Amino acid sequence: MPKAFDRCVKNGGRVKTKKLKGNKYMRICWLNGKSYAGEIKTKKKKKVTKRKKKKKTIKRRKSAKKNR
């Protein structure tokens, strides 16, 4: 990150994220009416995992004959 941006964050500036085109974003720090731009970064893709399908188990009543 740029030194000015890091100093702004360290001194308690407010950081906002600005969305850019092409899955990119930039963080901007505001302190005392001045803005300090951070680096332009690219969003990471989420890993898609396949969940194992659980077999539905059917609960069956105990037969009435066993309970007599």
N, C-alpha and C. Protein backbone atom coordinates (compact mmCIF):
# COMPACT_ATOMS: atom_id res chain seq x y z
N MET A 1 0.83 -1.18 0.00
CA MET A 1 0.00 0.00 0.00
C MET A 1 0.88 1.25 0.00
N PRO A 2 0.39 2.32 -0.57
CA PRO A 2 1.14 3.58 -0.55
C PRO A 2 1.33 4.09 0.88
N LYS A 3 2.43 4.77 1.11
CA LYS A 3 2.76 5.25 2.47
C LYS A 3 1.71 6.22 2.98
N ALA A 4 1.21 7.09 2.12
CA ALA A 4 0.21 8.09 2.55
C ALA A 4 -1.07 7.39 2.99
N PHE A 5 -1.48 6.34 2.28
CA PHE A 5 -2.68 5.59 2.63
C PHE A 5 -2.47 4.90 3.99
N ASP A 6 -1.33 4.28 4.17
CA ASP A 6 -1.04 3.61 5.45
C ASP A 6 -1.03 4.59 6.62
N ARG A 7 -0.47 5.78 6.41
CA ARG A 7 -0.46 6.80 7.48
C ARG A 7 -1.87 7.25 7.82
N CYS A 8 -2.70 7.40 6.79
CA CYS A 8 -4.08 7.81 6.99
C CYS A 8 -4.83 6.79 7.84
N VAL A 9 -4.67 5.52 7.51
CA VAL A 9 -5.34 4.45 8.27
C VAL A 9 -4.82 4.42 9.70
N LYS A 10 -3.52 4.57 9.86
CA LYS A 10 -2.90 4.53 11.19
C LYS A 10 -3.39 5.69 12.06
N ASN A 11 -3.67 6.84 11.45
CA ASN A 11 -4.12 8.01 12.20
C ASN A 11 -5.63 8.05 12.40
N GLY A 12 -6.32 6.99 12.01
CA GLY A 12 -7.75 6.91 12.29
C GLY A 12 -8.66 7.37 11.18
N GLY A 13 -8.18 7.39 9.96
CA GLY A 13 -9.02 7.79 8.83
C GLY A 13 -10.08 6.75 8.52
N ARG A 14 -11.15 7.18 7.85
CA ARG A 14 -12.22 6.26 7.46
C ARG A 14 -11.87 5.64 6.12
N VAL A 15 -12.00 4.32 6.05
CA VAL A 15 -11.66 3.60 4.83
C VAL A 15 -12.95 3.15 4.15
N LYS A 16 -13.06 3.46 2.87
CA LYS A 16 -14.20 3.02 2.07
C LYS A 16 -13.67 2.26 0.86
N THR A 17 -14.47 1.30 0.39
CA THR A 17 -14.08 0.52 -0.77
C THR A 17 -14.89 0.97 -1.98
N LYS A 18 -14.19 1.27 -3.07
CA LYS A 18 -14.85 1.70 -4.30
C LYS A 18 -14.75 0.57 -5.32
N LYS A 19 -15.91 0.17 -5.86
CA LYS A 19 -15.94 -0.89 -6.86
C LYS A 19 -15.53 -0.31 -8.21
N LEU A 20 -14.73 -1.08 -8.93
CA LEU A 20 -14.29 -0.69 -10.26
C LEU A 20 -14.73 -1.76 -11.26
N LYS A 21 -14.49 -1.52 -12.53
CA LYS A 21 -14.87 -2.48 -13.56
C LYS A 21 -13.97 -3.71 -13.52
N GLY A 22 -14.50 -4.82 -14.00
CA GLY A 22 -13.69 -6.02 -14.18
C GLY A 22 -13.27 -6.70 -12.89
N ASN A 23 -14.17 -6.83 -11.93
CA ASN A 23 -13.88 -7.50 -10.65
C ASN A 23 -12.71 -6.87 -9.91
N LYS A 24 -12.60 -5.57 -10.01
CA LYS A 24 -11.52 -4.87 -9.30
C LYS A 24 -12.12 -3.89 -8.31
N TYR A 25 -11.32 -3.53 -7.29
CA TYR A 25 -11.76 -2.57 -6.29
C TYR A 25 -10.56 -1.79 -5.76
N MET A 26 -10.85 -0.65 -5.13
CA MET A 26 -9.80 0.18 -4.58
C MET A 26 -10.27 0.72 -3.24
N ARG A 27 -9.41 0.72 -2.26
CA ARG A 27 -9.74 1.28 -0.96
C ARG A 27 -9.24 2.71 -0.90
N ILE A 28 -10.09 3.57 -0.31
CA ILE A 28 -9.76 5.00 -0.19
C ILE A 28 -9.91 5.40 1.27
N CYS A 29 -8.93 6.10 1.79
CA CYS A 29 -8.95 6.56 3.18
C CYS A 29 -9.23 8.06 3.20
N TRP A 30 -10.16 8.47 4.06
CA TRP A 30 -10.53 9.88 4.21
C TRP A 30 -10.11 10.36 5.60
N LEU A 31 -9.37 11.49 5.64
CA LEU A 31 -8.93 12.08 6.91
C LEU A 31 -8.80 13.59 6.72
N ASN A 32 -9.50 14.34 7.55
CA ASN A 32 -9.44 15.81 7.53
C ASN A 32 -9.78 16.40 6.17
N GLY A 33 -10.76 15.84 5.48
CA GLY A 33 -11.20 16.37 4.20
C GLY A 33 -10.33 15.99 3.01
N LYS A 34 -9.31 15.20 3.23
CA LYS A 34 -8.44 14.77 2.14
C LYS A 34 -8.59 13.27 1.94
N SER A 35 -8.39 12.82 0.71
CA SER A 35 -8.49 11.40 0.43
C SER A 35 -7.12 10.85 0.02
N TYR A 36 -6.91 9.60 0.39
CA TYR A 36 -5.66 8.92 0.08
C TYR A 36 -6.02 7.58 -0.54
N ALA A 37 -5.61 7.36 -1.79
CA ALA A 37 -5.98 6.15 -2.51
C ALA A 37 -5.02 5.02 -2.18
N GLY A 38 -5.59 3.82 -2.08
CA GLY A 38 -4.80 2.61 -1.89
C GLY A 38 -4.55 1.95 -3.24
N GLU A 39 -4.09 0.73 -3.20
CA GLU A 39 -3.81 -0.01 -4.43
C GLU A 39 -5.10 -0.53 -5.05
N ILE A 40 -5.06 -0.75 -6.35
CA ILE A 40 -6.18 -1.38 -7.05
C ILE A 40 -5.96 -2.89 -6.94
N LYS A 41 -7.00 -3.57 -6.47
CA LYS A 41 -6.90 -5.01 -6.26
C LYS A 41 -7.97 -5.74 -7.06
N THR A 42 -7.75 -7.03 -7.28
CA THR A 42 -8.70 -7.87 -8.00
C THR A 42 -9.36 -8.82 -7.02
N LYS A 43 -10.68 -8.99 -7.17
CA LYS A 43 -11.41 -9.90 -6.30
C LYS A 43 -10.99 -11.33 -6.59
N LYS A 44 -10.93 -12.13 -5.52
CA LYS A 44 -10.61 -13.54 -5.66
C LYS A 44 -11.88 -14.31 -5.95
N LYS A 45 -11.77 -15.35 -6.76
CA LYS A 45 -12.91 -16.19 -7.07
C LYS A 45 -13.15 -17.14 -5.90
N LYS A 46 -14.43 -17.39 -5.64
CA LYS A 46 -14.78 -18.34 -4.59
C LYS A 46 -14.62 -19.75 -5.13
N LYS A 47 -14.12 -20.62 -4.28
CA LYS A 47 -14.00 -22.02 -4.67
C LYS A 47 -15.36 -22.68 -4.56
N VAL A 48 -15.72 -23.38 -5.61
CA VAL A 48 -17.01 -24.06 -5.62
C VAL A 48 -16.76 -25.52 -5.27
N THR A 49 -17.40 -25.95 -4.21
CA THR A 49 -17.25 -27.33 -3.80
C THR A 49 -18.59 -28.03 -3.92
N LYS A 50 -18.54 -29.27 -4.29
CA LYS A 50 -19.76 -30.05 -4.41
C LYS A 50 -20.07 -30.65 -3.05
N ARG A 51 -21.28 -30.46 -2.61
CA ARG A 51 -21.70 -31.05 -1.35
C ARG A 51 -22.17 -32.47 -1.62
N LYS A 52 -21.86 -33.31 -0.68
CA LYS A 52 -22.33 -34.69 -0.81
C LYS A 52 -23.81 -34.71 -0.49
N LYS A 53 -24.54 -35.38 -1.34
CA LYS A 53 -25.97 -35.48 -1.13
C LYS A 53 -26.24 -36.53 -0.06
N LYS A 54 -27.03 -36.14 0.92
CA LYS A 54 -27.39 -37.06 1.97
C LYS A 54 -28.66 -37.79 1.56
N LYS A 55 -28.64 -39.07 1.78
CA LYS A 55 -29.84 -39.84 1.48
C LYS A 55 -30.85 -39.58 2.58
N LYS A 56 -32.06 -39.36 2.17
CA LYS A 56 -33.12 -39.14 3.15
C LYS A 56 -33.53 -40.49 3.73
N THR A 57 -33.53 -40.54 5.01
CA THR A 57 -33.97 -41.77 5.66
C THR A 57 -35.42 -41.61 6.06
N ILE A 58 -36.16 -42.65 5.81
CA ILE A 58 -37.59 -42.62 6.14
C ILE A 58 -37.77 -43.31 7.49
N LYS A 59 -38.34 -42.57 8.42
CA LYS A 59 -38.62 -43.15 9.72
C LYS A 59 -39.93 -43.93 9.62
N ARG A 60 -39.85 -45.17 10.00
CA ARG A 60 -41.03 -46.01 9.94
C ARG A 60 -41.51 -46.29 11.35
N ARG A 61 -42.79 -46.32 11.48
CA ARG A 61 -43.37 -46.65 12.77
C ARG A 61 -43.15 -48.13 13.06
N LYS A 62 -42.98 -48.38 14.33
CA LYS A 62 -42.90 -49.78 14.74
C LYS A 62 -44.27 -50.40 14.51
N SER A 63 -44.25 -51.58 14.05
CA SER A 63 -45.52 -52.20 13.77
C SER A 63 -46.32 -52.41 15.05
N ALA A 64 -47.61 -52.32 14.93
CA ALA A 64 -48.50 -52.44 16.09
C ALA A 64 -48.42 -53.83 16.71
N LYS A 65 -48.07 -54.83 15.94
CA LYS A 65 -47.99 -56.19 16.43
C LYS A 65 -46.88 -56.33 17.48
N LYS A 66 -45.75 -55.65 17.30
CA LYS A 66 -44.63 -55.75 18.23
C LYS A 66 -44.95 -55.08 19.56
N ASN A 67 -45.76 -54.07 19.57
CA ASN A 67 -46.09 -53.31 20.79
C ASN A 67 -47.17 -53.96 21.62
N ARG A 68 -47.85 -54.99 21.14
CA ARG A 68 -48.95 -55.62 21.90
C ARG A 68 -48.49 -56.41 23.04
